[in-house]
Amino acid sequence: MPDFSLTYPQFTPWSAFCGGSLIAASALLFLVVAGKRVGISGLISAGLLSSLRLQPLDPLATSFLSAFLVAALAAPSIFNPPPPPLLLPPTAYVLSGLLVGFGTRLGNGCTSGHGVCGLSRLSKRGAVAVITFMSVGVVIASFLGAHPHPFFRVAPPPPPASSDALDLPIPPAFWTPSVLLLAVFLLLYRLGQKTSFHPCLHLAALFSGALFALGLALSGMSQSLKVLDFLFLRFPGWDPSLVIVLGAAVGLLTPFSLYILSHQAVAYGDPTVKIYTPGKGPLATSQSEKVDWRLLVGEAIFGAGWGITGICPGPALVLLAQGHRKVALLFWPMYVGGYLLEEALERVLTRRKEDAGKKE
């Protein structure tokens, strides 16, 4: 039986704390200026996937994602280069992408929206989501770590000469211009829309996106092996760095979120809308605390996908920008497919429910 032991990277508390702090700063900036939560899966849907639905892209999401991609591309030059990616079989990325995409759409969020932003405003729904996907992720990662299967785990890395071509990074000469062109396209698309333009609003979205990407890279969240070192519970060898990432992000963001909640602050982008006022605005809480089967099942599915590869939407974007072939060619197509599949199933079920109501 192959030995799948997670031994790298080691516990990195300072990088984890600083990365979590950058994530908190990003979320706070986006909240105060735009009046929106930083939910990466939602921003991807609004800023990229809307084009597949033949719908207009969300202006702030495009600004956020364009800066996110550029910052993620530059992160290895700013910080220490990340370790080589964990060598997992293609089937692991395919199944993980499908489950993560389907689960985040069904559960309406992932580690950023439910975890960082949800916990920081003391959301019951966010707490339930985090407990659900974290528990399932730990179970899946621990089981696969202790009982490796060829579909999901491989033996220790082979010599470089025999490495799988998909495990090699995409050449920077091709990938760097591609990521930059995508970022420029998103910005030009936004500037070309015939809508009012608030420079400060979009500048804040740009800074927020860049800070979030740098926070993920610095904290180690974009290193799938480090994430699996956290999810795979065993002693010795367990890496608690991600506890510090989440603790720093939530701990620093919570007092500001609660202050905004208690004072019903207004968003810069729309001063007529009060952030967190029940029934109004982008962060309305009248319905957001509902814990139903969609949340539980969706986050369990997401947690299963996360436990297979240690990749969720935010880190997947970082790895995409840095040219990780298996993430770009396997994880992301399946993520998009899973996300849109859940949307299609929801439309079918809604239509059937409406038809049944008419017959009655």
Protein backbone atom coordinates (compact mmCIF):
# COMPACT_ATOMS: atom_id res chain seq x y z
CA MET A 1 0.00 0.00 0.00
CA PRO A 2 1.44 3.41 -0.92
CA ASP A 3 2.51 5.65 1.94
CA PHE A 4 0.47 8.85 1.81
CA SER A 5 1.90 10.85 4.68
CA LEU A 6 1.27 14.59 4.83
CA THR A 7 4.46 16.10 6.21
CA TYR A 8 4.86 19.48 4.44
CA PRO A 9 4.48 22.35 5.06
CA GLN A 10 5.09 22.70 8.80
CA PHE A 11 3.05 24.76 11.23
CA THR A 12 3.27 28.43 10.13
CA PRO A 13 1.46 30.56 12.73
CA TRP A 14 2.77 33.98 11.70
CA SER A 15 2.04 33.53 8.00
CA ALA A 16 -1.38 32.18 8.93
CA PHE A 17 -2.14 35.16 11.17
CA CYS A 18 -0.94 37.74 8.64
CA GLY A 19 -2.83 36.04 5.82
CA GLY A 20 -5.99 35.90 7.91
CA SER A 21 -5.56 39.59 8.71
CA LEU A 22 -5.40 40.46 5.00
CA ILE A 23 -8.56 38.44 4.41
CA ALA A 24 -10.30 40.35 7.22
CA ALA A 25 -9.19 43.69 5.75
CA SER A 26 -10.51 42.66 2.34
CA ALA A 27 -13.88 41.61 3.72
CA LEU A 28 -14.23 44.78 5.82
CA LEU A 29 -13.37 47.06 2.89
CA PHE A 30 -15.89 45.34 0.61
CA LEU A 31 -18.54 45.43 3.33
CA VAL A 32 -18.19 49.10 4.25
CA VAL A 33 -17.81 50.46 0.73
CA ALA A 34 -19.99 48.11 -1.31
CA GLY A 35 -22.31 46.80 1.40
CA LYS A 36 -21.64 43.22 0.30
CA ARG A 37 -20.10 40.11 1.77
CA VAL A 38 -16.97 38.62 0.23
CA GLY A 39 -18.36 35.26 -0.80
CA ILE A 40 -15.98 33.96 -3.45
CA SER A 41 -18.39 31.43 -4.96
CA GLY A 42 -21.06 34.13 -5.26
CA LEU A 43 -18.61 36.60 -6.80
CA ILE A 44 -17.48 33.99 -9.31
CA SER A 45 -21.10 33.36 -10.24
CA ALA A 46 -21.88 37.07 -10.60
CA GLY A 47 -18.59 38.08 -12.19
CA LEU A 48 -17.83 35.16 -14.51
CA LEU A 49 -20.56 32.53 -14.74
CA SER A 50 -23.26 35.08 -15.59
CA SER A 51 -21.84 35.19 -19.11
CA LEU A 52 -22.70 31.49 -19.52
CA ARG A 53 -26.29 32.33 -18.56
CA LEU A 54 -26.31 35.15 -21.14
CA GLN A 55 -26.75 37.63 -18.30
CA PRO A 56 -24.79 40.85 -17.63
CA LEU A 57 -21.81 40.52 -15.32
CA ASP A 58 -21.93 42.21 -11.94
CA PRO A 59 -19.75 45.35 -12.07
CA LEU A 60 -18.25 45.08 -8.59
CA ALA A 61 -17.63 41.36 -8.96
CA THR A 62 -15.68 41.93 -12.19
CA SER A 63 -13.52 44.57 -10.49
CA PHE A 64 -12.91 42.30 -7.49
CA LEU A 65 -12.03 39.25 -9.59
CA SER A 66 -9.76 41.11 -12.01
CA ALA A 67 -7.61 42.40 -9.16
CA PHE A 68 -7.79 39.00 -7.43
CA LEU A 69 -6.33 37.25 -10.49
CA VAL A 70 -3.48 39.73 -10.93
CA ALA A 71 -2.56 39.62 -7.22
CA ALA A 72 -2.68 35.80 -7.21
CA LEU A 73 -0.39 35.75 -10.23
CA ALA A 74 2.07 38.08 -8.49
CA ALA A 75 1.91 36.39 -5.08
CA PRO A 76 4.84 33.95 -5.62
CA SER A 77 7.07 36.93 -6.45
CA ILE A 78 5.94 38.87 -3.36
CA PHE A 79 6.11 36.01 -0.86
CA ASN A 80 8.17 32.85 -0.81
CA PRO A 81 7.29 30.58 -3.76
CA PRO A 82 4.78 27.91 -2.69
CA PRO A 83 5.86 24.27 -2.49
CA PRO A 84 5.20 21.99 -5.45
CA PRO A 85 1.51 21.08 -5.79
CA LEU A 86 0.27 17.89 -4.22
CA LEU A 87 0.25 15.14 -6.82
CA LEU A 88 -3.28 13.79 -6.95
CA PRO A 89 -4.85 11.69 -9.72
CA PRO A 90 -7.04 13.46 -12.31
CA THR A 91 -10.11 11.68 -10.92
CA ALA A 92 -9.63 13.46 -7.59
CA TYR A 93 -9.79 16.90 -9.25
CA VAL A 94 -12.74 15.92 -11.42
CA LEU A 95 -14.88 14.64 -8.54
CA SER A 96 -13.76 17.41 -6.19
CA GLY A 97 -14.62 20.14 -8.71
CA LEU A 98 -18.06 18.66 -9.33
CA LEU A 99 -18.88 18.34 -5.62
CA VAL A 100 -17.53 21.77 -4.69
CA GLY A 101 -19.44 23.48 -7.50
CA PHE A 102 -22.71 21.68 -6.81
CA GLY A 103 -22.40 22.01 -3.04
CA THR A 104 -21.57 25.72 -2.94
CA ARG A 105 -24.53 26.49 -5.18
CA LEU A 106 -26.94 24.33 -3.16
CA GLY A 107 -25.65 25.58 0.20
CA ASN A 108 -25.25 29.15 -1.07
CA GLY A 109 -21.69 29.64 0.09
CA CYS A 110 -18.31 28.22 1.04
CA THR A 111 -15.45 28.97 3.44
CA SER A 112 -15.41 32.72 2.75
CA GLY A 113 -19.11 33.62 2.76
CA HIS A 114 -20.27 31.25 5.49
CA GLY A 115 -16.97 31.02 7.34
CA VAL A 116 -15.27 34.42 7.46
CA CYS A 117 -18.24 36.71 6.83
CA GLY A 118 -20.92 34.53 8.43
CA LEU A 119 -19.11 33.82 11.69
CA SER A 120 -17.96 37.43 12.02
CA ARG A 121 -21.56 38.63 12.22
CA LEU A 122 -22.50 35.80 14.60
CA SER A 123 -24.71 34.15 12.00
CA LYS A 124 -26.37 30.93 13.12
CA ARG A 125 -26.61 29.84 9.50
CA GLY A 126 -22.90 30.50 9.00
CA ALA A 127 -21.99 28.52 12.11
CA VAL A 128 -24.09 25.54 11.01
CA ALA A 129 -22.54 25.67 7.54
CA VAL A 130 -18.98 25.78 8.90
CA ILE A 131 -19.60 22.89 11.30
CA THR A 132 -21.14 20.86 8.48
CA PHE A 133 -18.53 21.30 5.76
CA MET A 134 -15.65 21.19 8.24
CA SER A 135 -16.88 17.92 9.79
CA VAL A 136 -17.43 16.24 6.44
CA GLY A 137 -14.11 17.55 5.11
CA VAL A 138 -12.26 16.14 8.11
CA VAL A 139 -13.95 12.75 7.76
CA ILE A 140 -13.21 12.48 4.03
CA ALA A 141 -9.62 13.74 4.24
CA SER A 142 -8.82 11.58 7.27
CA PHE A 143 -10.29 8.47 5.66
CA LEU A 144 -8.48 9.00 2.35
CA GLY A 145 -5.26 9.83 4.18
CA ALA A 146 -5.41 6.66 6.26
CA HIS A 147 -6.80 4.45 3.46
CA PRO A 148 -5.47 5.85 0.16
CA HIS A 149 -7.26 4.78 -3.00
CA PRO A 150 -5.75 5.13 -6.50
CA PHE A 151 -8.72 7.26 -7.59
CA PHE A 152 -8.02 9.88 -4.93
CA ARG A 153 -4.45 9.50 -3.69
CA VAL A 154 -1.10 8.54 -5.18
CA ALA A 155 2.19 7.34 -3.80
CA PRO A 156 4.88 9.88 -2.80
CA PRO A 157 6.00 12.10 -5.74
CA PRO A 158 7.89 10.21 -8.46
CA PRO A 159 11.20 11.53 -9.85
CA PRO A 160 10.79 14.69 -11.96
CA ALA A 161 11.57 12.83 -15.16
CA SER A 162 8.52 10.61 -14.72
CA SER A 163 6.10 13.28 -13.46
CA ASP A 164 2.65 13.47 -14.95
CA ALA A 165 2.57 16.28 -17.52
CA LEU A 166 -0.56 17.64 -15.89
CA ASP A 167 1.36 18.13 -12.65
CA LEU A 168 3.78 20.58 -14.27
CA PRO A 169 2.86 24.28 -14.16
CA ILE A 170 1.70 25.96 -17.34
CA PRO A 171 4.64 27.98 -18.77
CA PRO A 172 4.57 31.58 -17.45
CA ALA A 173 5.23 32.92 -20.96
CA PHE A 174 1.75 31.69 -21.91
CA TRP A 175 -0.13 31.84 -18.63
CA THR A 176 0.88 35.31 -17.42
CA PRO A 177 -0.47 37.16 -20.50
CA SER A 178 -3.60 34.99 -20.39
CA VAL A 179 -4.43 35.93 -16.79
CA LEU A 180 -3.63 39.59 -17.38
CA LEU A 181 -5.79 39.66 -20.51
CA LEU A 182 -8.70 38.13 -18.58
CA ALA A 183 -8.30 40.78 -15.88
CA VAL A 184 -8.16 43.58 -18.47
CA PHE A 185 -11.21 42.15 -20.23
CA LEU A 186 -13.19 42.21 -17.00
CA LEU A 187 -12.24 45.83 -16.36
CA LEU A 188 -12.95 46.94 -19.93
CA TYR A 189 -16.29 45.16 -19.81
CA ARG A 190 -17.17 47.11 -16.71
CA LEU A 191 -16.06 50.44 -18.17
CA GLY A 192 -18.02 49.76 -21.34
CA GLN A 193 -21.33 49.33 -19.54
CA LYS A 194 -23.74 52.24 -19.83
CA THR A 195 -24.30 52.60 -16.11
CA SER A 196 -23.20 55.07 -13.47
CA PHE A 197 -19.58 54.64 -12.46
CA HIS A 198 -18.31 55.30 -8.93
CA PRO A 199 -14.48 55.39 -9.08
CA CYS A 200 -14.06 55.01 -5.31
CA LEU A 201 -16.45 52.08 -5.25
CA HIS A 202 -14.56 50.15 -7.90
CA LEU A 203 -11.18 51.16 -6.51
CA ALA A 204 -12.27 49.62 -3.21
CA ALA A 205 -13.37 46.45 -5.03
CA LEU A 206 -9.97 46.26 -6.73
CA PHE A 207 -8.10 46.64 -3.44
CA SER A 208 -10.42 44.14 -1.77
CA GLY A 209 -9.83 41.53 -4.47
CA ALA A 210 -6.06 41.98 -4.34
CA LEU A 211 -5.96 41.79 -0.53
CA PHE A 212 -8.06 38.62 -0.49
CA ALA A 213 -5.84 36.84 -3.02
CA LEU A 214 -2.67 37.86 -1.18
CA GLY A 215 -4.22 36.73 2.10
CA LEU A 216 -4.99 33.29 0.70
CA ALA A 217 -1.49 32.95 -0.74
CA LEU A 218 0.31 34.15 2.41
CA SER A 219 -1.81 32.10 4.81
CA GLY A 220 -1.26 28.83 2.96
CA MET A 221 -4.93 28.35 2.08
CA SER A 222 -3.97 28.01 -1.59
CA GLN A 223 -1.63 25.09 -0.79
CA SER A 224 -3.81 22.01 -1.05
CA LEU A 225 -1.29 19.90 0.86
CA LYS A 226 -1.37 22.32 3.79
CA VAL A 227 -5.17 22.28 3.82
CA LEU A 228 -5.19 18.48 3.80
CA ASP A 229 -2.61 18.55 6.60
CA PHE A 230 -5.27 20.39 8.60
CA LEU A 231 -8.23 18.24 7.56
CA PHE A 232 -6.37 14.95 8.06
CA LEU A 233 -6.57 14.50 11.83
CA ARG A 234 -3.64 12.50 13.15
CA PHE A 235 -1.04 13.00 15.84
CA PRO A 236 1.76 13.77 15.38
CA GLY A 237 1.57 15.52 12.03
CA TRP A 238 -1.60 17.61 12.28
CA ASP A 239 -1.10 21.21 11.09
CA PRO A 240 -3.39 23.71 12.91
CA SER A 241 -2.33 26.69 10.76
CA LEU A 242 -5.79 27.05 9.21
CA VAL A 243 -7.32 27.45 12.67
CA ILE A 244 -5.20 30.58 13.03
CA VAL A 245 -6.18 31.79 9.54
CA LEU A 246 -9.88 31.54 10.32
CA GLY A 247 -9.41 32.78 13.88
CA ALA A 248 -7.50 35.87 12.76
CA ALA A 249 -9.93 36.69 9.96
CA VAL A 250 -13.05 36.22 12.08
CA GLY A 251 -11.55 37.71 15.23
CA LEU A 252 -10.44 40.92 13.53
CA LEU A 253 -13.59 41.28 11.44
CA THR A 254 -16.17 40.53 14.15
CA PRO A 255 -16.05 43.80 16.15
CA PHE A 256 -16.38 45.86 12.98
CA SER A 257 -19.24 43.71 11.69
CA LEU A 258 -21.08 43.98 15.01
CA TYR A 259 -20.52 47.75 15.09
CA ILE A 260 -21.99 48.07 11.62
CA LEU A 261 -24.87 45.83 12.66
CA SER A 262 -25.66 47.83 15.79
CA HIS A 263 -25.40 51.22 14.07
CA GLN A 264 -27.10 50.13 10.83
CA ALA A 265 -24.37 51.83 8.79
CA VAL A 266 -24.99 52.71 5.16
CA ALA A 267 -23.04 51.44 2.18
CA TYR A 268 -20.92 53.90 0.23
CA GLY A 269 -22.23 52.58 -3.06
CA ASP A 270 -25.86 53.23 -2.12
CA PRO A 271 -26.28 55.58 0.86
CA THR A 272 -30.03 54.94 0.86
CA VAL A 273 -29.51 51.30 1.83
CA LYS A 274 -28.62 50.39 5.40
CA ILE A 275 -26.29 47.44 5.76
CA TYR A 276 -27.86 44.56 7.69
CA THR A 277 -31.29 46.21 7.95
CA PRO A 278 -33.80 43.29 7.91
CA GLY A 279 -35.60 42.97 4.61
CA LYS A 280 -33.50 45.55 2.76
CA GLY A 281 -30.21 45.78 0.98
CA PRO A 282 -27.66 43.19 -0.14
CA LEU A 283 -27.07 41.89 3.38
CA ALA A 284 -30.69 41.58 4.49
CA THR A 285 -30.92 39.16 7.40
CA SER A 286 -34.65 38.48 7.55
CA GLN A 287 -34.30 35.25 5.58
CA SER A 288 -30.56 34.61 5.73
CA GLU A 289 -30.65 32.84 9.10
CA LYS A 290 -32.88 30.04 7.85
CA VAL A 291 -31.25 26.63 8.37
CA ASP A 292 -32.84 24.16 5.96
CA TRP A 293 -32.02 20.99 4.09
CA ARG A 294 -30.41 22.93 1.24
CA LEU A 295 -27.82 24.40 3.58
CA LEU A 296 -27.05 21.11 5.33
CA VAL A 297 -26.92 18.94 2.20
CA GLY A 298 -25.14 21.57 0.13
CA GLU A 299 -22.41 22.20 2.68
CA ALA A 300 -21.97 18.46 3.27
CA ILE A 301 -21.43 17.96 -0.47
CA PHE A 302 -19.04 20.90 -0.57
CA GLY A 303 -17.15 19.51 2.44
CA ALA A 304 -16.76 16.15 0.70
CA GLY A 305 -15.25 17.80 -2.37
CA TRP A 306 -13.01 19.97 -0.19
CA GLY A 307 -11.79 16.92 1.72
CA ILE A 308 -10.70 15.16 -1.48
CA THR A 309 -8.26 17.81 -2.76
CA GLY A 310 -8.17 20.53 -0.09
CA ILE A 311 -9.38 23.04 -2.68
CA CYS A 312 -12.33 25.43 -2.37
CA PRO A 313 -13.32 28.27 -4.76
CA GLY A 314 -10.96 31.00 -3.48
CA PRO A 315 -7.77 28.92 -3.46
CA ALA A 316 -8.85 27.36 -6.76
CA LEU A 317 -8.82 30.85 -8.30
CA VAL A 318 -5.31 31.42 -6.92
CA LEU A 319 -4.10 28.13 -8.39
CA LEU A 320 -5.80 28.94 -11.70
CA ALA A 321 -3.97 32.27 -11.88
CA GLN A 322 -0.67 30.54 -11.09
CA GLY A 323 -1.06 28.00 -13.89
CA HIS A 324 -1.89 24.77 -12.03
CA ARG A 325 -2.86 22.51 -14.94
CA LYS A 326 -5.08 20.02 -13.13
CA VAL A 327 -6.97 22.82 -11.42
CA ALA A 328 -7.35 24.76 -14.68
CA LEU A 329 -8.22 21.82 -16.94
CA LEU A 330 -10.05 19.45 -14.58
CA PHE A 331 -11.25 21.13 -11.38
CA TRP A 332 -12.65 24.33 -12.89
CA PRO A 333 -14.66 22.81 -15.77
CA MET A 334 -16.26 20.38 -13.31
CA TYR A 335 -16.86 23.18 -10.79
CA VAL A 336 -18.71 25.22 -13.41
CA GLY A 337 -20.61 22.12 -14.51
CA GLY A 338 -21.64 21.24 -10.96
CA TYR A 339 -22.68 24.82 -10.20
CA LEU A 340 -24.81 25.13 -13.34
CA LEU A 341 -26.22 21.61 -12.86
CA GLU A 342 -27.58 22.59 -9.45
CA GLU A 343 -29.09 25.74 -10.95
CA ALA A 344 -30.78 23.69 -13.67
CA LEU A 345 -32.14 21.15 -11.18
CA GLU A 346 -33.47 23.97 -9.01
CA ARG A 347 -35.31 25.49 -11.98
CA VAL A 348 -36.85 22.12 -12.87
CA LEU A 349 -38.01 21.49 -9.30
CA THR A 350 -39.40 25.01 -9.00
CA ARG A 351 -41.30 24.63 -12.26
CA ARG A 352 -42.78 21.30 -11.17
CA LYS A 353 -43.80 22.80 -7.85
CA GLU A 354 -45.51 25.70 -9.60
CA ASP A 355 -47.30 23.33 -11.99
CA ALA A 356 -48.50 21.20 -9.08
CA GLY A 357 -49.80 24.32 -7.35
CA LYS A 358 -51.76 25.36 -10.43
CA LYS A 359 -53.41 21.93 -10.70
CA GLU A 360 -54.58 22.14 -7.10
